[in-house]
Protein backbone atom coordinates (compact mmCIF):
# COMPACT_ATOMS: atom_id res chain seq x y z
CA MET A 1 0.00 0.00 0.00
CA GLN A 2 1.47 3.34 -1.07
CA SER A 3 2.51 6.04 1.37
CA ILE A 4 0.24 9.08 1.17
CA ASN A 5 0.41 12.65 2.39
CA LYS A 6 -2.54 13.11 4.75
CA PRO A 7 -3.52 15.56 7.50
CA THR A 8 -3.11 14.08 10.97
CA ARG A 9 -6.82 14.62 11.69
CA LEU A 10 -7.54 11.65 9.39
CA ALA A 11 -7.16 8.20 10.91
CA SER A 12 -5.27 5.46 9.08
CA PHE A 13 -6.96 3.26 6.52
CA GLU A 14 -6.41 0.27 8.82
CA GLU A 15 -8.37 1.95 11.61
CA MET A 16 -11.25 2.90 9.33
CA ILE A 17 -11.82 -0.59 7.92
CA GLN A 18 -12.06 -2.33 11.30
CA SER A 19 -15.33 -4.19 11.80
CA ASN A 20 -17.39 -4.03 14.99
CA LEU A 21 -20.98 -4.31 16.16
CA LYS A 22 -21.80 -0.79 14.96
CA THR A 23 -20.50 -1.43 11.43
CA LYS A 24 -22.43 -4.71 11.25
CA ILE A 25 -25.68 -3.02 12.29
CA LEU A 26 -25.16 -0.18 9.81
CA ARG A 27 -24.32 -2.66 7.04
CA TYR A 28 -27.59 -4.45 7.71
CA MET A 29 -29.53 -1.17 7.67
CA ILE A 30 -28.06 0.28 4.46
CA ASP A 31 -27.17 -2.96 2.68
CA GLN A 32 -23.54 -1.95 2.07
CA ASP A 33 -20.31 -1.67 4.00
CA VAL A 34 -19.83 1.63 5.82
CA GLN A 35 -16.07 1.16 5.91
CA PRO A 36 -14.35 2.76 2.92
CA SER A 37 -12.58 0.95 0.14
CA TYR A 38 -9.00 2.08 -0.38
CA ASP A 39 -10.07 4.24 -3.33
CA GLU A 40 -12.74 5.87 -1.14
CA TYR A 41 -10.16 6.46 1.57
CA LEU A 42 -7.89 8.21 -0.94
CA ALA A 43 -10.85 10.30 -2.13
CA LEU A 44 -11.62 11.29 1.49
CA ASN A 45 -8.00 12.27 2.07
CA ASN A 46 -8.03 14.35 -1.11
CA ALA A 47 -11.33 16.01 -0.11
CA LEU A 48 -9.80 17.14 3.21
CA GLN A 49 -7.15 18.96 1.19
CA SER A 50 -9.37 20.35 -1.59
CA GLY A 51 -11.35 23.56 -1.77
CA ASP A 52 -13.88 24.93 -4.26
CA LYS A 53 -11.85 25.18 -7.48
CA PRO A 54 -14.25 27.36 -9.54
CA MET A 55 -14.74 29.94 -6.77
CA ASP A 56 -11.11 29.78 -5.67
CA GLN A 57 -10.09 30.70 -9.23
CA VAL A 58 -12.43 33.71 -9.04
CA MET A 59 -10.86 34.61 -5.68
CA GLN A 60 -7.37 34.57 -7.18
CA TRP A 61 -8.59 37.11 -9.74
CA VAL A 62 -10.35 39.21 -7.07
CA MET A 63 -7.13 39.44 -5.04
CA GLN A 64 -5.27 41.01 -7.96
CA ASN A 65 -7.25 44.20 -7.25
CA PRO A 66 -9.50 43.50 -4.23
CA ARG A 67 -11.48 46.75 -4.08
CA GLU A 68 -12.34 47.00 -7.79
CA HIS A 69 -12.66 43.28 -8.54
CA ARG A 70 -14.94 42.61 -5.57
CA LYS A 71 -17.17 45.42 -6.81
CA TYR A 72 -17.32 43.75 -10.23
CA PHE A 73 -18.10 40.39 -8.61
CA GLU A 74 -21.03 41.89 -6.69
CA ILE A 75 -22.37 43.58 -9.83
CA ALA A 76 -22.27 40.23 -11.62
CA LEU A 77 -23.92 38.50 -8.65
CA TYR A 78 -26.75 40.94 -7.96
CA GLU A 79 -27.32 42.48 -11.40
CA GLY A 80 -25.90 40.00 -13.91
CA ILE A 81 -22.73 39.74 -16.00
CA ASP A 82 -24.31 41.80 -18.79
CA GLN A 83 -24.22 44.80 -16.41
CA LEU A 84 -20.42 44.74 -16.13
CA PRO A 85 -18.61 47.64 -17.82
CA HIS A 86 -16.63 45.21 -19.96
CA GLU A 87 -16.14 41.48 -20.54
CA ILE A 88 -14.42 39.76 -17.61
CA PRO A 89 -13.59 36.15 -18.57
CA GLU A 90 -13.11 34.96 -14.97
CA LEU A 91 -16.58 36.13 -13.94
CA ALA A 92 -18.28 35.14 -17.18
CA ARG A 93 -16.99 31.59 -16.89
CA PHE A 94 -18.07 31.21 -13.25
CA PHE A 95 -21.55 32.73 -13.57
CA ARG A 96 -22.40 30.86 -16.76
CA MET A 97 -21.53 27.64 -14.93
CA ILE A 98 -23.74 28.31 -11.89
CA GLU A 99 -26.62 29.78 -13.92
CA ALA A 100 -26.95 26.52 -15.90
CA LYS A 101 -28.89 23.99 -13.83
CA PRO A 102 -27.20 20.57 -13.57
CA HIS A 103 -28.72 17.83 -15.74
CA TRP A 104 -30.19 16.04 -12.72
CA TYR A 105 -32.09 19.08 -11.39
CA GLU A 106 -35.87 18.56 -11.06
CA GLN A 107 -38.03 21.58 -10.23
CA SER A 108 -40.97 19.41 -9.13
CA LYS A 109 -38.81 17.85 -6.39
CA ILE A 110 -37.59 21.27 -5.29
CA ASP A 111 -41.20 22.48 -4.96
CA GLU A 112 -42.26 19.38 -3.02
CA ALA A 113 -39.26 19.71 -0.69
CA ILE A 114 -40.19 23.32 0.10
CA LYS A 115 -43.75 22.33 1.03
CA PHE A 116 -42.42 19.47 3.15
CA THR A 117 -40.02 21.87 4.88
CA TYR A 118 -42.91 24.21 5.72
CA ARG A 119 -44.92 21.32 7.19
CA LEU A 120 -42.06 20.52 9.55
CA GLY A 121 -42.51 23.92 11.17
CA ALA A 122 -40.38 24.50 14.26
CA ASN A 123 -39.21 20.88 14.26
CA ASN A 124 -36.76 21.64 11.45
CA GLY A 125 -35.20 24.45 13.46
CA PHE A 126 -34.96 22.33 16.60
CA ILE A 127 -33.08 19.61 14.71
CA LEU A 128 -30.74 22.04 12.94
CA ARG A 129 -29.91 23.94 16.12
CA ASP A 130 -29.97 21.29 18.84
CA LEU A 131 -28.70 18.29 16.88
CA SER A 132 -26.90 19.29 13.67
CA LEU A 133 -25.16 22.42 14.92
CA MET A 134 -24.50 21.23 18.48
CA THR A 135 -23.09 17.86 17.45
CA GLY A 136 -21.07 19.55 14.70
CA TYR A 137 -19.22 21.45 17.43
CA MET A 138 -18.03 18.14 18.87
CA TYR A 139 -15.83 17.76 15.76
CA PRO A 140 -12.95 20.27 16.07
CA GLY A 141 -12.15 20.29 12.36
CA PHE A 142 -15.33 22.29 11.77
CA ASN A 143 -14.46 24.76 14.52
CA GLN A 144 -10.97 25.86 13.45
CA PRO A 145 -12.03 28.52 10.88
CA LEU A 146 -14.41 29.97 13.48
CA VAL A 147 -11.62 30.18 16.03
CA LEU A 148 -8.98 31.66 13.73
CA THR A 149 -11.19 34.21 11.96
CA GLY A 150 -12.41 35.62 15.26
CA ALA A 151 -16.00 34.55 14.67
CA LEU A 152 -16.16 33.26 18.25
CA LYS A 153 -16.31 36.90 19.33
CA LYS A 154 -19.71 37.18 17.66
CA GLN A 155 -22.69 36.47 19.84
CA ALA A 156 -24.14 33.02 19.20
CA GLY A 157 -27.47 34.64 18.40
CA THR A 158 -25.88 36.67 15.62
CA ARG A 159 -24.25 33.60 14.04
CA LEU A 160 -27.49 31.64 14.34
CA ALA A 161 -29.58 34.50 12.92
CA GLU A 162 -27.28 34.83 9.92
CA THR A 163 -27.52 31.12 9.12
CA THR A 164 -31.29 31.12 9.70
CA LYS A 165 -31.69 34.11 7.36
CA TRP A 166 -29.89 32.21 4.61
CA TRP A 167 -31.99 29.09 5.27
CA VAL A 168 -35.24 31.09 5.12
CA ASP A 169 -34.14 32.71 1.85
CA ILE A 170 -33.39 29.45 0.03
CA THR A 171 -36.62 27.81 1.23
CA GLU A 172 -38.81 30.58 -0.18
CA PRO A 173 -40.87 29.72 -3.29
CA ASP A 174 -38.55 30.19 -6.29
CA GLY A 175 -35.71 30.66 -3.79
CA PHE A 176 -33.23 29.25 -6.30
CA GLU A 177 -34.21 31.56 -9.16
CA ARG A 178 -31.22 33.47 -10.50
CA PHE A 179 -31.77 36.84 -8.79
CA SER A 180 -33.68 35.62 -5.74
CA LYS A 181 -32.26 36.20 -2.27
CA GLY A 182 -31.77 32.46 -1.88
CA PHE A 183 -29.57 32.14 -4.96
CA THR A 184 -27.54 35.30 -4.41
CA SER A 185 -27.03 34.71 -0.68
CA THR A 186 -25.79 31.16 -1.37
CA ILE A 187 -23.22 32.42 -3.86
CA PHE A 188 -22.22 35.20 -1.47
CA VAL A 189 -21.61 32.64 1.31
CA ARG A 190 -19.61 30.59 -1.20
CA PHE A 191 -17.53 33.69 -1.94
CA ILE A 192 -16.90 34.27 1.78
CA HIS A 193 -15.83 30.63 2.23
CA SER A 194 -13.27 31.07 -0.54
CA LEU A 195 -12.07 34.34 0.98
CA VAL A 196 -11.59 32.61 4.37
CA ARG A 197 -9.68 29.78 2.67
CA HIS A 198 -7.45 32.32 0.91
CA GLN A 199 -6.71 34.21 4.14
CA LEU A 200 -6.16 31.20 6.39
CA LYS A 201 -3.90 29.40 3.90
CA LYS A 202 -1.53 32.39 4.15
CA SER A 203 -1.79 32.57 7.94
CA GLU A 204 0.94 31.13 10.12
CA LYS A 205 -1.76 30.18 12.61
CA TRP A 206 -3.37 27.67 10.22
CA ASP A 207 -1.99 24.16 10.83
CA ALA A 208 -2.37 22.48 7.44
CA GLU A 209 -0.54 19.36 8.60
CA THR A 210 -3.26 18.75 11.17
CA TRP A 211 -6.41 20.13 9.53
CA GLY A 212 -5.82 19.98 5.78
CA LEU A 213 -7.45 22.86 3.90
CA PRO A 214 -9.83 25.32 5.61
CA ILE A 215 -13.51 24.76 4.71
CA ASN A 216 -12.57 21.78 2.55
CA GLN A 217 -14.77 19.56 0.39
CA TYR A 218 -15.47 16.92 3.04
CA ASP A 219 -16.33 19.42 5.77
CA GLN A 220 -18.62 21.29 3.38
CA ALA A 221 -20.28 18.03 2.32
CA MET A 222 -20.92 17.11 5.95
CA THR A 223 -22.38 20.56 6.62
CA ASN A 224 -24.76 19.94 3.73
CA ILE A 225 -25.75 16.56 5.20
CA ALA A 226 -26.40 18.29 8.53
CA PHE A 227 -29.17 20.21 6.77
CA SER A 228 -30.54 17.15 4.96
CA GLY A 229 -29.79 13.62 6.15
CA VAL A 230 -29.41 14.56 9.82
CA VAL A 231 -32.73 16.44 9.73
CA LEU A 232 -34.45 13.34 8.30
CA LEU A 233 -33.02 11.21 11.11
CA GLY A 234 -33.97 13.79 13.71
CA ILE A 235 -37.58 14.30 12.70
CA ARG A 236 -38.22 10.56 12.83
CA ALA A 237 -36.88 10.50 16.37
CA LEU A 238 -39.35 13.30 17.19
CA GLY A 239 -42.33 11.41 15.76
CA ILE A 240 -42.53 12.59 12.12
CA PHE A 241 -42.28 9.87 9.49
CA PRO A 242 -41.90 11.22 5.93
CA THR A 243 -42.95 9.31 2.83
CA GLN A 244 -40.32 8.01 0.43
CA GLN A 245 -41.29 10.74 -2.04
CA GLU A 246 -40.79 13.42 0.63
CA VAL A 247 -37.38 11.95 1.52
CA GLU A 248 -36.24 11.90 -2.12
CA SER A 249 -37.45 15.46 -2.73
CA PHE A 250 -35.83 16.76 0.46
CA LEU A 251 -32.47 15.17 -0.41
CA HIS A 252 -32.75 16.53 -3.95
CA PHE A 253 -33.31 20.07 -2.65
CA TRP A 254 -30.19 19.90 -0.51
CA LYS A 255 -28.19 18.21 -3.24
CA TYR A 256 -28.78 21.28 -5.42
CA ALA A 257 -28.11 23.65 -2.50
CA GLY A 258 -24.79 21.86 -1.93
CA TRP A 259 -23.93 22.00 -5.62
CA LEU A 260 -24.64 25.74 -5.68
CA MET A 261 -22.49 26.15 -2.54
CA GLY A 262 -19.52 24.53 -4.30
CA VAL A 263 -19.62 20.93 -3.08
CA GLU A 264 -18.45 18.53 -5.77
CA GLU A 265 -21.13 16.14 -7.05
CA LYS A 266 -19.31 13.04 -5.81
CA TRP A 267 -19.88 14.29 -2.24
CA LEU A 268 -23.58 15.02 -2.72
CA VAL A 269 -26.07 12.28 -1.85
CA ASP A 270 -29.22 10.96 -3.52
CA LYS A 271 -30.00 8.34 -0.86
CA GLU A 272 -30.06 8.50 2.92
CA SER A 273 -27.77 5.46 3.10
CA GLU A 274 -25.06 7.40 1.26
CA GLY A 275 -25.25 10.12 3.87
CA TRP A 276 -25.10 7.64 6.77
CA LYS A 277 -21.87 6.24 5.35
CA LEU A 278 -20.28 9.70 5.23
CA ILE A 279 -21.52 10.43 8.77
CA TYR A 280 -19.86 7.22 9.99
CA TRP A 281 -16.55 8.40 8.52
CA MET A 282 -16.67 11.64 10.57
CA GLN A 283 -15.31 10.01 13.73
CA PHE A 284 -12.17 9.12 11.76
CA ALA A 285 -11.76 12.55 10.14
CA HIS A 286 -11.75 14.60 13.36
CA PRO A 287 -9.89 14.38 16.68
CA LYS A 288 -11.86 14.25 19.92
CA SER A 289 -13.78 17.25 21.23
CA ASP A 290 -11.56 20.03 22.58
CA GLU A 291 -11.83 23.47 24.17
CA SER A 292 -13.33 24.90 20.97
CA SER A 293 -16.19 22.41 21.33
CA ILE A 294 -16.88 23.65 24.85
CA SER A 295 -16.63 27.33 23.85
CA LEU A 296 -19.02 26.97 20.92
CA GLY A 297 -21.43 24.57 22.61
CA SER A 298 -21.71 26.65 25.77
CA SER A 299 -22.16 29.84 23.73
CA LEU A 300 -24.93 28.33 21.62
CA SER A 301 -26.70 26.95 24.71
CA LYS A 302 -26.96 30.49 26.12
CA GLU A 303 -28.23 31.97 22.85
CA PRO A 304 -31.90 32.09 24.05
CA PHE A 305 -30.89 34.88 26.45
CA GLU A 306 -30.16 37.06 23.39
CA ARG A 307 -33.70 36.68 22.02
CA LYS A 308 -35.98 39.72 21.91
CA TYR A 309 -39.26 38.22 23.16
CA ARG A 310 -42.04 40.81 23.31
CA TYR A 311 -43.74 39.54 26.48
CA LEU A 312 -42.37 37.95 29.68
CA ARG A 313 -38.90 38.07 28.16
CA GLY A 314 -36.97 36.66 31.12
CA PHE A 315 -39.38 33.77 31.61
CA GLN A 316 -39.46 32.85 27.90
CA GLN A 317 -35.69 33.05 27.60
CA GLN A 318 -35.20 30.69 30.55
CA LEU A 319 -37.86 28.31 29.21
CA ALA A 320 -36.28 28.20 25.73
CA TYR A 321 -32.83 27.64 27.28
CA ARG A 322 -34.05 24.51 29.11
CA GLN A 323 -36.09 23.23 26.16
CA HIS A 324 -33.13 23.35 23.77
CA LEU A 325 -30.86 21.61 26.28
CA GLU A 326 -33.46 18.88 26.76
CA ILE A 327 -33.66 18.27 23.00
CA THR A 328 -29.86 18.09 22.69
CA GLN A 329 -29.65 15.67 25.62
CA PHE A 330 -32.37 13.52 24.05
CA PHE A 331 -30.19 13.05 20.97
CA ILE A 332 -26.64 12.87 22.33
CA GLY A 333 -27.04 11.74 25.96
CA ARG A 334 -25.83 13.19 29.25
CA LYS A 335 -22.18 12.09 28.82
CA LYS A 336 -21.64 13.94 25.54
CA MET A 337 -23.37 17.03 26.95
CA LYS A 338 -20.28 17.51 29.12
CA ASN A 339 -18.04 17.44 26.01
CA LEU A 340 -19.88 20.58 24.89
CA GLY A 341 -19.83 22.33 28.24
CA LEU A 342 -23.58 21.82 28.67
CA ALA A 343 -25.42 21.28 31.92
CA PRO A 344 -27.12 17.84 31.99
CA GLN A 345 -30.89 17.98 32.46
CA SER A 346 -33.01 15.80 34.75
CA ALA A 347 -34.88 14.44 31.72
CA SER A 348 -35.66 15.38 28.11
CA TRP A 349 -39.22 16.43 28.87
CA PHE A 350 -39.62 18.83 25.96
CA ALA A 351 -38.45 16.20 23.48
CA TYR A 352 -41.03 13.77 24.88
CA TYR A 353 -43.72 16.43 24.50
CA LEU A 354 -42.72 17.00 20.85
CA ILE A 355 -42.88 13.28 20.12
CA CYS A 356 -46.44 13.01 21.46
CA ARG A 357 -47.51 16.19 19.69
CA ASN A 358 -45.95 15.25 16.37
CA LEU A 359 -47.27 11.68 16.35
CA THR A 360 -50.78 13.05 16.81
CA LEU A 361 -50.59 15.95 14.32
CA TYR A 362 -48.57 14.41 11.50
CA SER A 363 -50.32 11.05 11.60
CA GLY A 364 -53.66 12.86 11.37
CA ALA A 365 -52.44 15.09 8.54
CA LYS A 366 -51.98 12.05 6.30
CA TYR A 367 -55.75 11.58 6.33
CA LEU A 368 -56.99 15.15 6.81
CA PRO A 369 -56.06 17.55 3.96
CA LYS A 370 -57.15 20.60 5.98
CA LEU A 371 -54.80 19.65 8.81
CA ASN A 372 -52.00 19.10 6.31
CA HIS A 373 -52.59 22.57 4.84
CA PHE A 374 -52.71 24.06 8.35
CA LEU A 375 -49.33 22.51 9.22
CA GLU A 376 -47.83 23.90 6.02
CA GLU A 377 -49.13 27.42 6.52
CA LYS A 378 -48.61 27.60 10.28
CA GLY A 379 -45.24 25.90 10.02
CA ARG A 380 -43.80 28.52 7.71
CA ASN A 381 -45.09 31.32 9.92
CA LEU A 382 -43.32 29.74 12.90
CA GLN A 383 -40.07 29.45 10.93
CA LYS A 384 -40.12 33.14 10.03
CA MET A 385 -41.20 34.09 13.55
CA GLY A 386 -38.09 32.38 14.87
CA LEU A 387 -35.90 34.69 12.78
CA SER A 388 -37.78 37.77 14.01
CA LEU A 389 -36.64 37.04 17.58
CA TYR A 390 -33.20 38.33 16.63
CA ARG A 391 -34.53 41.52 15.03
CA ASN A 392 -31.65 43.12 13.13
CA GLN A 393 -29.05 40.42 13.86
CA GLY A 394 -29.85 38.37 10.75
CA GLN A 395 -29.38 41.07 8.16
CA LYS A 396 -25.85 39.98 7.28
CA LEU A 397 -25.24 36.60 5.75
CA ALA A 398 -22.96 33.91 7.03
CA SER A 399 -22.67 30.13 7.16
CA MET A 400 -21.87 27.62 9.84
CA HIS A 401 -18.16 28.13 9.05
CA GLN A 402 -17.94 31.92 8.76
C-alpha cells in the first residue's frame, strides 16, 4: 500500500476498515459496507485537502485588485454579467456555470421539498440547532475557521440568525431563481468561504498538517448533510415519518443547495444510506472534542438569552434555554453534553412532548387535507417568527463556518 500525504486529523486506513458491532448493524440497515474501500479512503483524504476550485479561481482574480474586482463580482452577482462595464472572462466563466442547472435538477422535487419543509414547522429548526449544529461542534475540524477568523467573538445569536436568514431565503418559493435572495445569498456565502480559505492558507496560525485545507470539500459536504440527512433522522426520532417521495425530494433540494455552494457532485447524496456512510466516517476525520467544542457549545446553549421576546422576556428566555438543552440531551445523551460544556438535564421532557404532539398531528395530517394545509401554513409562519426574535441580527449573511 502506497505512502500518502494526509492531514493528521484523518485516521489510518487500517483503523477505518475495522469491523465491529456498529459497522455490522449499519451494514444491515443500508445494505452496504460503511467502511471505505481504499479508493474511497484516498478520495476522502483528497477532499480534506481540496477547496472549491471554480470559486477559488475567481478569488485569485479578485485578489489582484480587491477593491475594484470585488465590486465587479457583486455587480455580476446581484445584477448580472451583462451589467459589467466590460467582458471579464473569470466572472463570465463562473456565472455561466452556476446559472446553468445541472442535468439532474428537477423543479418538481424542489417544490415538493419546500412544502415538506414548511410542514415541519419549528421541528426543522430544533433539529438544525440542537442536533446538527450542536453535534457539529463536537468535531474540532469544523471549529478551526471559526476560532482563527475571530467569529467566536460574535454572539451566538448573531451567528445563528445569519444562518437562519440564509436558510429562510433558500426555502422561499422560487428561492433558487437566479436573482432571488436564496440564490444570491448562497453564492455570497460561497464567496466568503473562498475568501476565508485564501486568508487562512496564508496565515501562520493555520496548521495544514493537522487540519488539511480550511472549509474543505469533506467538511462542506458534511455541513450539507447536517441540513438534509441529519434532519431526516432527527424528525423521525421526534415522531414525524416522511414518505419516500418526501425523503427523495428533500435530499434533492439539498443536493442542489450543496452544488450551488460549491460541493463537488461526488460528495452530494441521492439516498439516505449514502449520507449515513459519510456520517460514519466523521469520527475518523476529526480528533476528539476540545476546548473549541466547549466554547461553541456553551455559547450556543446560552443563545436564548439574546432573544428579543415581546412579552415575559426573562421567563421565555429561561424556558427556551431549558427546552433546547433537553432536545440536545435527548439526541446525544448526558455524557456527551459535558463534552460541549452543557449542563445535563433531569430528563428530556420537551423532546417527549414533541414526540407526542408530532405523532398526533402528523399522523392525522396524512388523512386530513385541511390539517396538512394548516401545518404547512402555520409551520412557515413559525419558521419566520423564529428569525424575528433576533430583530436586526440576521441582516448579514454567514454560514456555519464563517
